[in-house]
Amino acid sequence: MSNHPFRRAVEAGEFDRVGSLFAPDAVLHKLSGVGTGDHALMFRAAVANLEIQGCDFLHTRGDGLIDEITVMVRPLRAATVFAERMRAALGG
């Protein structure tokens, strides 16, 4: 796991230190249309002995059920194997 100063500051709740860790020309991205039903879940796994890193972007309805999901994974080779296995598991 990374021991980067950003991680240490966030985990310690020292958010006043975070701004000084960005380069002046840093580009920040955010989810568009973020609301109370939006969630991002990062994960690491292995598929066919390939390390995979990913993020699930979920949107939930008022009752808490997921009504949208976007899955992003990397690297490409692991993503390809992951997609093939998911297709087979889902009967596609």
PDB file of N, CA and C in Angstrom:
ATOM      1  N   MET A   1       0.827  -1.182   0.000  1.00  0.00           N
ATOM      2  CA  MET A   1       0.000   0.000   0.000  1.00  0.00           C
ATOM      3  C   MET A   1       0.873   1.248   0.000  1.00  0.00           C
ATOM      4  N   SER A   2       0.381   2.266  -0.646  1.00  0.00           N
ATOM      5  CA  SER A   2       1.095   3.528  -0.750  1.00  0.00           C
ATOM      6  C   SER A   2       1.153   4.233   0.600  1.00  0.00           C
ATOM      7  N   ASN A   3       2.281   4.850   0.864  1.00  0.00           N
ATOM      8  CA  ASN A   3       2.428   5.653   2.072  1.00  0.00           C
ATOM      9  C   ASN A   3       2.646   7.113   1.669  1.00  0.00           C
ATOM     10  N   HIS A   4       2.005   7.518   0.578  1.00  0.00           N
ATOM     11  CA  HIS A   4       2.139   8.874   0.049  1.00  0.00           C
ATOM     12  C   HIS A   4       1.601   9.885   1.066  1.00  0.00           C
ATOM     13  N   PRO A   5       2.177  11.082   1.120  1.00  0.00           N
ATOM     14  CA  PRO A   5       1.691  12.113   2.048  1.00  0.00           C
ATOM     15  C   PRO A   5       0.196  12.418   1.894  1.00  0.00           C
ATOM     16  N   PHE A   6      -0.348  12.314   0.674  1.00  0.00           N
ATOM     17  CA  PHE A   6      -1.783  12.538   0.463  1.00  0.00           C
ATOM     18  C   PHE A   6      -2.585  11.525   1.272  1.00  0.00           C
ATOM     19  N   ARG A   7      -2.204  10.264   1.157  1.00  0.00           N
ATOM     20  CA  ARG A   7      -2.912   9.216   1.888  1.00  0.00           C
ATOM     21  C   ARG A   7      -2.811   9.441   3.393  1.00  0.00           C
ATOM     22  N   ARG A   8      -1.610   9.756   3.865  1.00  0.00           N
ATOM     23  CA  ARG A   8      -1.426   9.979   5.308  1.00  0.00           C
ATOM     24  C   ARG A   8      -2.289  11.140   5.799  1.00  0.00           C
ATOM     25  N   ALA A   9      -2.345  12.225   5.023  1.00  0.00           N
ATOM     26  CA  ALA A   9      -3.140  13.389   5.420  1.00  0.00           C
ATOM     27  C   ALA A   9      -4.625  13.048   5.470  1.00  0.00           C
ATOM     28  N   VAL A  10      -5.129  12.356   4.446  1.00  0.00           N
ATOM     29  CA  VAL A  10      -6.551  12.005   4.405  1.00  0.00           C
ATOM     30  C   VAL A  10      -6.902  11.054   5.540  1.00  0.00           C
ATOM     31  N   GLU A  11      -6.083  10.027   5.741  1.00  0.00           N
ATOM     32  CA  GLU A  11      -6.376   9.055   6.799  1.00  0.00           C
ATOM     33  C   GLU A  11      -6.325   9.688   8.185  1.00  0.00           C
ATOM     34  N   ALA A  12      -5.477  10.718   8.352  1.00  0.00           N
ATOM     35  CA  ALA A  12      -5.368  11.396   9.645  1.00  0.00           C
ATOM     36  C   ALA A  12      -6.415  12.498   9.803  1.00  0.00           C
ATOM     37  N   GLY A  13      -7.192  12.757   8.744  1.00  0.00           N
ATOM     38  CA  GLY A  13      -8.183  13.819   8.797  1.00  0.00           C
ATOM     39  C   GLY A  13      -7.573  15.208   8.766  1.00  0.00           C
ATOM     40  N   GLU A  14      -6.346  15.307   8.295  1.00  0.00           N
ATOM     41  CA  GLU A  14      -5.629  16.587   8.238  1.00  0.00           C
ATOM     42  C   GLU A  14      -5.804  17.203   6.848  1.00  0.00           C
ATOM     43  N   PHE A  15      -7.026  17.578   6.542  1.00  0.00           N
ATOM     44  CA  PHE A  15      -7.368  18.036   5.198  1.00  0.00           C
ATOM     45  C   PHE A  15      -6.740  19.377   4.844  1.00  0.00           C
ATOM     46  N   ASP A  16      -6.325  20.140   5.853  1.00  0.00           N
ATOM     47  CA  ASP A  16      -5.662  21.408   5.573  1.00  0.00           C
ATOM     48  C   ASP A  16      -4.307  21.199   4.899  1.00  0.00           C
ATOM     49  N   ARG A  17      -3.723  20.008   5.006  1.00  0.00           N
ATOM     50  CA  ARG A  17      -2.436  19.696   4.366  1.00  0.00           C
ATOM     51  C   ARG A  17      -2.599  19.256   2.913  1.00  0.00           C
ATOM     52  N   VAL A  18      -3.776  18.832   2.527  1.00  0.00           N
ATOM     53  CA  VAL A  18      -3.984  18.222   1.214  1.00  0.00           C
ATOM     54  C   VAL A  18      -3.667  19.184   0.071  1.00  0.00           C
ATOM     55  N   GLY A  19      -4.115  20.416   0.149  1.00  0.00           N
ATOM     56  CA  GLY A  19      -3.916  21.374  -0.933  1.00  0.00           C
ATOM     57  C   GLY A  19      -2.463  21.575  -1.312  1.00  0.00           C
ATOM     58  N   SER A  20      -1.577  21.528  -0.343  1.00  0.00           N
ATOM     59  CA  SER A  20      -0.153  21.753  -0.620  1.00  0.00           C
ATOM     60  C   SER A  20       0.492  20.575  -1.340  1.00  0.00           C
ATOM     61  N   LEU A  21      -0.210  19.466  -1.486  1.00  0.00           N
ATOM     62  CA  LEU A  21       0.345  18.275  -2.124  1.00  0.00           C
ATOM     63  C   LEU A  21       0.084  18.235  -3.628  1.00  0.00           C
ATOM     64  N   PHE A  22      -0.668  19.196  -4.148  1.00  0.00           N
ATOM     65  CA  PHE A  22      -0.994  19.237  -5.573  1.00  0.00           C
ATOM     66  C   PHE A  22      -0.090  20.213  -6.309  1.00  0.00           C
ATOM     67  N   ALA A  23       0.321  19.819  -7.498  1.00  0.00           N
ATOM     68  CA  ALA A  23       1.070  20.723  -8.373  1.00  0.00           C
ATOM     69  C   ALA A  23       0.145  21.870  -8.782  1.00  0.00           C
ATOM     70  N   PRO A  24       0.698  23.047  -9.061  1.00  0.00           N
ATOM     71  CA  PRO A  24      -0.142  24.184  -9.445  1.00  0.00           C
ATOM     72  C   PRO A  24      -0.996  23.916 -10.686  1.00  0.00           C
ATOM     73  N   ASP A  25      -0.536  23.050 -11.574  1.00  0.00           N
ATOM     74  CA  ASP A  25      -1.290  22.769 -12.799  1.00  0.00           C
ATOM     75  C   ASP A  25      -2.019  21.427 -12.745  1.00  0.00           C
ATOM     76  N   ALA A  26      -2.267  20.909 -11.543  1.00  0.00           N
ATOM     77  CA  ALA A  26      -2.960  19.625 -11.391  1.00  0.00           C
ATOM     78  C   ALA A  26      -4.363  19.705 -11.992  1.00  0.00           C
ATOM     79  N   VAL A  27      -4.813  18.610 -12.579  1.00  0.00           N
ATOM     80  CA  VAL A  27      -6.152  18.514 -13.156  1.00  0.00           C
ATOM     81  C   VAL A  27      -6.977  17.619 -12.241  1.00  0.00           C
ATOM     82  N   LEU A  28      -8.095  18.115 -11.774  1.00  0.00           N
ATOM     83  CA  LEU A  28      -8.974  17.352 -10.895  1.00  0.00           C
ATOM     84  C   LEU A  28     -10.226  16.964 -11.667  1.00  0.00           C
ATOM     85  N   HIS A  29     -10.622  15.717 -11.548  1.00  0.00           N
ATOM     86  CA  HIS A  29     -11.817  15.206 -12.219  1.00  0.00           C
ATOM     87  C   HIS A  29     -12.852  14.863 -11.161  1.00  0.00           C
ATOM     88  N   LYS A  30     -14.101  15.009 -11.509  1.00  0.00           N
ATOM     89  CA  LYS A  30     -15.169  14.629 -10.594  1.00  0.00           C
ATOM     90  C   LYS A  30     -16.258  13.924 -11.384  1.00  0.00           C
ATOM     91  N   LEU A  31     -17.067  13.172 -10.683  1.00  0.00           N
ATOM     92  CA  LEU A  31     -18.220  12.551 -11.321  1.00  0.00           C
ATOM     93  C   LEU A  31     -19.217  13.643 -11.663  1.00  0.00           C
ATOM     94  N   SER A  32     -19.791  13.578 -12.845  1.00  0.00           N
ATOM     95  CA  SER A  32     -20.804  14.567 -13.195  1.00  0.00           C
ATOM     96  C   SER A  32     -22.133  14.140 -12.600  1.00  0.00           C
ATOM     97  N   GLY A  33     -22.890  15.076 -12.137  1.00  0.00           N
ATOM     98  CA  GLY A  33     -24.198  14.773 -11.586  1.00  0.00           C
ATOM     99  C   GLY A  33     -24.140  13.998 -10.286  1.00  0.00           C
ATOM    100  N   VAL A  34     -23.099  14.200  -9.504  1.00  0.00           N
ATOM    101  CA  VAL A  34     -22.962  13.455  -8.251  1.00  0.00           C
ATOM    102  C   VAL A  34     -24.062  13.871  -7.284  1.00  0.00           C
ATOM    103  N   GLY A  35     -24.698  12.885  -6.713  1.00  0.00           N
ATOM    104  CA  GLY A  35     -25.739  13.124  -5.727  1.00  0.00           C
ATOM    105  C   GLY A  35     -25.610  12.119  -4.600  1.00  0.00           C
ATOM    106  N   THR A  36     -26.598  12.077  -3.749  1.00  0.00           N
ATOM    107  CA  THR A  36     -26.526  11.187  -2.593  1.00  0.00           C
ATOM    108  C   THR A  36     -26.572   9.718  -2.979  1.00  0.00           C
ATOM    109  N   GLY A  37     -27.034   9.397  -4.185  1.00  0.00           N
ATOM    110  CA  GLY A  37     -27.108   8.003  -4.615  1.00  0.00           C
ATOM    111  C   GLY A  37     -25.897   7.538  -5.392  1.00  0.00           C
ATOM    112  N   ASP A  38     -24.833   8.352  -5.453  1.00  0.00           N
ATOM    113  CA  ASP A  38     -23.646   8.001  -6.227  1.00  0.00           C
ATOM    114  C   ASP A  38     -22.536   7.485  -5.317  1.00  0.00           C
ATOM    115  N   HIS A  39     -21.889   6.399  -5.770  1.00  0.00           N
ATOM    116  CA  HIS A  39     -20.823   5.778  -4.984  1.00  0.00           C
ATOM    117  C   HIS A  39     -19.725   5.294  -5.923  1.00  0.00           C
ATOM    118  N   ALA A  40     -18.486   5.374  -5.481  1.00  0.00           N
ATOM    119  CA  ALA A  40     -17.351   4.834  -6.231  1.00  0.00           C
ATOM    120  C   ALA A  40     -16.636   3.841  -5.321  1.00  0.00           C
ATOM    121  N   LEU A  41     -16.507   2.610  -5.780  1.00  0.00           N
ATOM    122  CA  LEU A  41     -15.894   1.544  -4.994  1.00  0.00           C
ATOM    123  C   LEU A  41     -14.664   1.038  -5.730  1.00  0.00           C
ATOM    124  N   MET A  42     -13.485   1.291  -5.178  1.00  0.00           N
ATOM    125  CA  MET A  42     -12.245   0.836  -5.804  1.00  0.00           C
ATOM    126  C   MET A  42     -11.914  -0.566  -5.312  1.00  0.00           C
ATOM    127  N   PHE A  43     -11.300  -1.363  -6.189  1.00  0.00           N
ATOM    128  CA  PHE A  43     -10.935  -2.721  -5.797  1.00  0.00           C
ATOM    129  C   PHE A  43      -9.684  -3.182  -6.522  1.00  0.00           C
ATOM    130  N   ARG A  44      -9.068  -4.202  -5.953  1.00  0.00           N
ATOM    131  CA  ARG A  44      -7.957  -4.918  -6.571  1.00  0.00           C
ATOM    132  C   ARG A  44      -8.296  -6.397  -6.489  1.00  0.00           C
ATOM    133  N   ALA A  45      -7.934  -7.126  -7.527  1.00  0.00           N
ATOM    134  CA  ALA A  45      -8.228  -8.558  -7.568  1.00  0.00           C
ATOM    135  C   ALA A  45      -7.225  -9.229  -8.493  1.00  0.00           C
ATOM    136  N   ALA A  46      -7.404 -10.518  -8.675  1.00  0.00           N
ATOM    137  CA  ALA A  46      -6.584 -11.271  -9.625  1.00  0.00           C
ATOM    138  C   ALA A  46      -7.522 -12.134 -10.445  1.00  0.00           C
ATOM    139  N   VAL A  47      -7.250 -12.193 -11.743  1.00  0.00           N
ATOM    140  CA  VAL A  47      -8.008 -13.048 -12.640  1.00  0.00           C
ATOM    141  C   VAL A  47      -6.994 -13.734 -13.544  1.00  0.00           C
ATOM    142  N   ALA A  48      -7.037 -15.063 -13.582  1.00  0.00           N
ATOM    143  CA  ALA A  48      -6.098 -15.851 -14.392  1.00  0.00           C
ATOM    144  C   ALA A  48      -4.652 -15.443 -14.111  1.00  0.00           C
ATOM    145  N   ASN A  49      -4.332 -15.284 -12.835  1.00  0.00           N
ATOM    146  CA  ASN A  49      -2.985 -14.885 -12.396  1.00  0.00           C
ATOM    147  C   ASN A  49      -2.567 -13.506 -12.884  1.00  0.00           C
ATOM    148  N   LEU A  50      -3.514 -12.671 -13.270  1.00  0.00           N
ATOM    149  CA  LEU A  50      -3.239 -11.296 -13.677  1.00  0.00           C
ATOM    150  C   LEU A  50      -3.801 -10.352 -12.616  1.00  0.00           C
ATOM    151  N   GLU A  51      -2.987  -9.409 -12.164  1.00  0.00           N
ATOM    152  CA  GLU A  51      -3.471  -8.409 -11.218  1.00  0.00           C
ATOM    153  C   GLU A  51      -4.420  -7.465 -11.946  1.00  0.00           C
ATOM    154  N   ILE A  52      -5.502  -7.122 -11.291  1.00  0.00           N
ATOM    155  CA  ILE A  52      -6.485  -6.228 -11.886  1.00  0.00           C
ATOM    156  C   ILE A  52      -6.827  -5.144 -10.873  1.00  0.00           C
ATOM    157  N   GLN A  53      -6.979  -3.933 -11.352  1.00  0.00           N
ATOM    158  CA  GLN A  53      -7.381  -2.807 -10.519  1.00  0.00           C
ATOM    159  C   GLN A  53      -8.626  -2.217 -11.152  1.00  0.00           C
ATOM    160  N   GLY A  54      -9.595  -1.876 -10.328  1.00  0.00           N
ATOM    161  CA  GLY A  54     -10.817  -1.366 -10.917  1.00  0.00           C
ATOM    162  C   GLY A  54     -11.601  -0.459 -10.002  1.00  0.00           C
ATOM    163  N   CYS A  55     -12.673   0.062 -10.559  1.00  0.00           N
ATOM    164  CA  CYS A  55     -13.573   0.923  -9.808  1.00  0.00           C
ATOM    165  C   CYS A  55     -14.993   0.673 -10.315  1.00  0.00           C
ATOM    166  N   ASP A  56     -15.903   0.481  -9.392  1.00  0.00           N
ATOM    167  CA  ASP A  56     -17.326   0.364  -9.714  1.00  0.00           C
ATOM    168  C   ASP A  56     -17.984   1.694  -9.366  1.00  0.00           C
ATOM    169  N   PHE A  57     -18.646   2.299 -10.331  1.00  0.00           N
ATOM    170  CA  PHE A  57     -19.417   3.514 -10.091  1.00  0.00           C
ATOM    171  C   PHE A  57     -20.877   3.091 -10.003  1.00  0.00           C
ATOM    172  N   LEU A  58     -21.473   3.288  -8.842  1.00  0.00           N
ATOM    173  CA  LEU A  58     -22.849   2.861  -8.603  1.00  0.00           C
ATOM    174  C   LEU A  58     -23.762   4.062  -8.428  1.00  0.00           C
ATOM    175  N   HIS A  59     -24.991   3.898  -8.877  1.00  0.00           N
ATOM    176  CA  HIS A  59     -26.040   4.849  -8.527  1.00  0.00           C
ATOM    177  C   HIS A  59     -27.150   4.034  -7.891  1.00  0.00           C
ATOM    178  N   THR A  60     -27.656   4.526  -6.770  1.00  0.00           N
ATOM    179  CA  THR A  60     -28.727   3.818  -6.078  1.00  0.00           C
ATOM    180  C   THR A  60     -29.993   4.665  -6.059  1.00  0.00           C
ATOM    181  N   ARG A  61     -31.109   3.966  -6.052  1.00  0.00           N
ATOM    182  CA  ARG A  61     -32.411   4.626  -5.956  1.00  0.00           C
ATOM    183  C   ARG A  61     -32.664   5.009  -4.504  1.00  0.00           C
ATOM    184  N   GLY A  62     -33.782   5.631  -4.263  1.00  0.00           N
ATOM    185  CA  GLY A  62     -34.152   6.022  -2.910  1.00  0.00           C
ATOM    186  C   GLY A  62     -34.283   4.853  -1.953  1.00  0.00           C
ATOM    187  N   ASP A  63     -34.634   3.667  -2.481  1.00  0.00           N
ATOM    188  CA  ASP A  63     -34.779   2.485  -1.626  1.00  0.00           C
ATOM    189  C   ASP A  63     -33.457   1.755  -1.414  1.00  0.00           C
ATOM    190  N   GLY A  64     -32.351   2.303  -1.961  1.00  0.00           N
ATOM    191  CA  GLY A  64     -31.035   1.709  -1.760  1.00  0.00           C
ATOM    192  C   GLY A  64     -30.629   0.685  -2.799  1.00  0.00           C
ATOM    193  N   LEU A  65     -31.542   0.286  -3.696  1.00  0.00           N
ATOM    194  CA  LEU A  65     -31.194  -0.685  -4.727  1.00  0.00           C
ATOM    195  C   LEU A  65     -30.401  -0.019  -5.843  1.00  0.00           C
ATOM    196  N   ILE A  66     -29.431  -0.734  -6.380  1.00  0.00           N
ATOM    197  CA  ILE A  66     -28.596  -0.220  -7.462  1.00  0.00           C
ATOM    198  C   ILE A  66     -29.413  -0.175  -8.745  1.00  0.00           C
ATOM    199  N   ASP A  67     -29.431   0.992  -9.402  1.00  0.00           N
ATOM    200  CA  ASP A  67     -30.129   1.089 -10.684  1.00  0.00           C
ATOM    201  C   ASP A  67     -29.180   1.405 -11.839  1.00  0.00           C
ATOM    202  N   GLU A  68     -27.924   1.723 -11.542  1.00  0.00           N
ATOM    203  CA  GLU A  68     -26.906   1.916 -12.578  1.00  0.00           C
ATOM    204  C   GLU A  68     -25.561   1.462 -12.032  1.00  0.00           C
ATOM    205  N   ILE A  69     -24.755   0.845 -12.898  1.00  0.00           N
ATOM    206  CA  ILE A  69     -23.396   0.480 -12.514  1.00  0.00           C
ATOM    207  C   ILE A  69     -22.487   0.633 -13.731  1.00  0.00           C
ATOM    208  N   THR A  70     -21.328   1.213 -13.510  1.00  0.00           N
ATOM    209  CA  THR A  70     -20.283   1.304 -14.520  1.00  0.00           C
ATOM    210  C   THR A  70     -19.036   0.703 -13.895  1.00  0.00           C
ATOM    211  N   VAL A  71     -18.428  -0.255 -14.590  1.00  0.00           N
ATOM    212  CA  VAL A  71     -17.229  -0.918 -14.082  1.00  0.00           C
ATOM    213  C   VAL A  71     -16.056  -0.546 -14.979  1.00  0.00           C
ATOM    214  N   MET A  72     -14.983  -0.075 -14.367  1.00  0.00           N
ATOM    215  CA  MET A  72     -13.752   0.225 -15.103  1.00  0.00           C
ATOM    216  C   MET A  72     -12.636  -0.613 -14.504  1.00  0.00           C
ATOM    217  N   VAL A  73     -11.877  -1.295 -15.372  1.00  0.00           N
ATOM    218  CA  VAL A  73     -10.767  -2.122 -14.896  1.00  0.00           C
ATOM    219  C   VAL A  73      -9.544  -1.903 -15.776  1.00  0.00           C
ATOM    220  N   ARG A  74      -8.390  -2.196 -15.209  1.00  0.00           N
ATOM    221  CA  ARG A  74      -7.120  -2.104 -15.917  1.00  0.00           C
ATOM    222  C   ARG A  74      -6.184  -3.138 -15.340  1.00  0.00           C
ATOM    223  N   PRO A  75      -5.162  -3.543 -15.980  1.00  0.00           N
ATOM    224  CA  PRO A  75      -4.715  -3.217 -17.335  1.00  0.00           C
ATOM    225  C   PRO A  75      -5.560  -3.948 -18.380  1.00  0.00           C
ATOM    226  N   LEU A  76      -5.328  -3.624 -19.637  1.00  0.00           N
ATOM    227  CA  LEU A  76      -6.167  -4.135 -20.726  1.00  0.00           C
ATOM    228  C   LEU A  76      -6.218  -5.656 -20.762  1.00  0.00           C
ATOM    229  N   ARG A  77      -5.089  -6.335 -20.640  1.00  0.00           N
ATOM    230  CA  ARG A  77      -5.088  -7.808 -20.711  1.00  0.00           C
ATOM    231  C   ARG A  77      -5.965  -8.401 -19.618  1.00  0.00           C
ATOM    232  N   ALA A  78      -5.828  -7.907 -18.401  1.00  0.00           N
ATOM    233  CA  ALA A  78      -6.651  -8.405 -17.304  1.00  0.00           C
ATOM    234  C   ALA A  78      -8.118  -8.045 -17.527  1.00  0.00           C
ATOM    235  N   ALA A  79      -8.379  -6.852 -18.066  1.00  0.00           N
ATOM    236  CA  ALA A  79      -9.752  -6.435 -18.347  1.00  0.00           C
ATOM    237  C   ALA A  79     -10.395  -7.348 -19.384  1.00  0.00           C
ATOM    238  N   THR A  80      -9.622  -7.750 -20.385  1.00  0.00           N
ATOM    239  CA  THR A  80     -10.128  -8.641 -21.431  1.00  0.00           C
ATOM    240  C   THR A  80     -10.495 -10.002 -20.850  1.00  0.00           C
ATOM    241  N   VAL A  81      -9.615 -10.560 -20.036  1.00  0.00           N
ATOM    242  CA  VAL A  81      -9.894 -11.855 -19.399  1.00  0.00           C
ATOM    243  C   VAL A  81     -11.096 -11.727 -18.465  1.00  0.00           C
ATOM    244  N   PHE A  82     -11.148 -10.645 -17.692  1.00  0.00           N
ATOM    245  CA  PHE A  82     -12.264 -10.394 -16.784  1.00  0.00           C
ATOM    246  C   PHE A  82     -13.581 -10.347 -17.566  1.00  0.00           C
ATOM    247  N   ALA A  83     -13.603  -9.614 -18.677  1.00  0.00           N
ATOM    248  CA  ALA A  83     -14.817  -9.498 -19.495  1.00  0.00           C
ATOM    249  C   ALA A  83     -15.237 -10.852 -20.059  1.00  0.00           C
ATOM    250  N   GLU A  84     -14.272 -11.644 -20.515  1.00  0.00           N
ATOM    251  CA  GLU A  84     -14.583 -12.976 -21.048  1.00  0.00           C
ATOM    252  C   GLU A  84     -15.209 -13.854 -19.972  1.00  0.00           C
ATOM    253  N   ARG A  85     -14.652 -13.818 -18.776  1.00  0.00           N
ATOM    254  CA  ARG A  85     -15.181 -14.639 -17.675  1.00  0.00           C
ATOM    255  C   ARG A  85     -16.567 -14.163 -17.239  1.00  0.00           C
ATOM    256  N   MET A  86     -16.763 -12.843 -17.182  1.00  0.00           N
ATOM    257  CA  MET A  86     -18.076 -12.318 -16.796  1.00  0.00           C
ATOM    258  C   MET A  86     -19.128 -12.681 -17.841  1.00  0.00           C
ATOM    259  N   ARG A  87     -18.767 -12.594 -19.108  1.00  0.00           N
ATOM    260  CA  ARG A  87     -19.695 -12.948 -20.188  1.00  0.00           C
ATOM    261  C   ARG A  87     -20.121 -14.409 -20.043  1.00  0.00           C
ATOM    262  N   ALA A  88     -19.151 -15.285 -19.781  1.00  0.00           N
ATOM    263  CA  ALA A  88     -19.460 -16.709 -19.616  1.00  0.00           C
ATOM    264  C   ALA A  88     -20.333 -16.936 -18.378  1.00  0.00           C
ATOM    265  N   ALA A  89     -20.018 -16.252 -17.287  1.00  0.00           N
ATOM    266  CA  ALA A  89     -20.772 -16.431 -16.047  1.00  0.00           C
ATOM    267  C   ALA A  89     -22.207 -15.921 -16.172  1.00  0.00           C
ATOM    268  N   LEU A  90     -22.391 -14.886 -16.985  1.00  0.00           N
ATOM    269  CA  LEU A  90     -23.725 -14.307 -17.156  1.00  0.00           C
ATOM    270  C   LEU A  90     -24.498 -14.932 -18.306  1.00  0.00           C
ATOM    271  N   GLY A  91     -23.904 -15.954 -18.926  1.00  0.00           N
ATOM    272  CA  GLY A  91     -24.591 -16.674 -19.988  1.00  0.00           C
ATOM    273  C   GLY A  91     -24.575 -15.971 -21.330  1.00  0.00           C
ATOM    274  N   GLY A  92     -23.577 -15.115 -21.549  1.00  0.00           N
ATOM    275  CA  GLY A  92     -23.515 -14.363 -22.807  1.00  0.00           C
ATOM    276  C   GLY A  92     -22.583 -15.005 -23.738  1.00  0.00           C
TER     277      GLY A  92
END
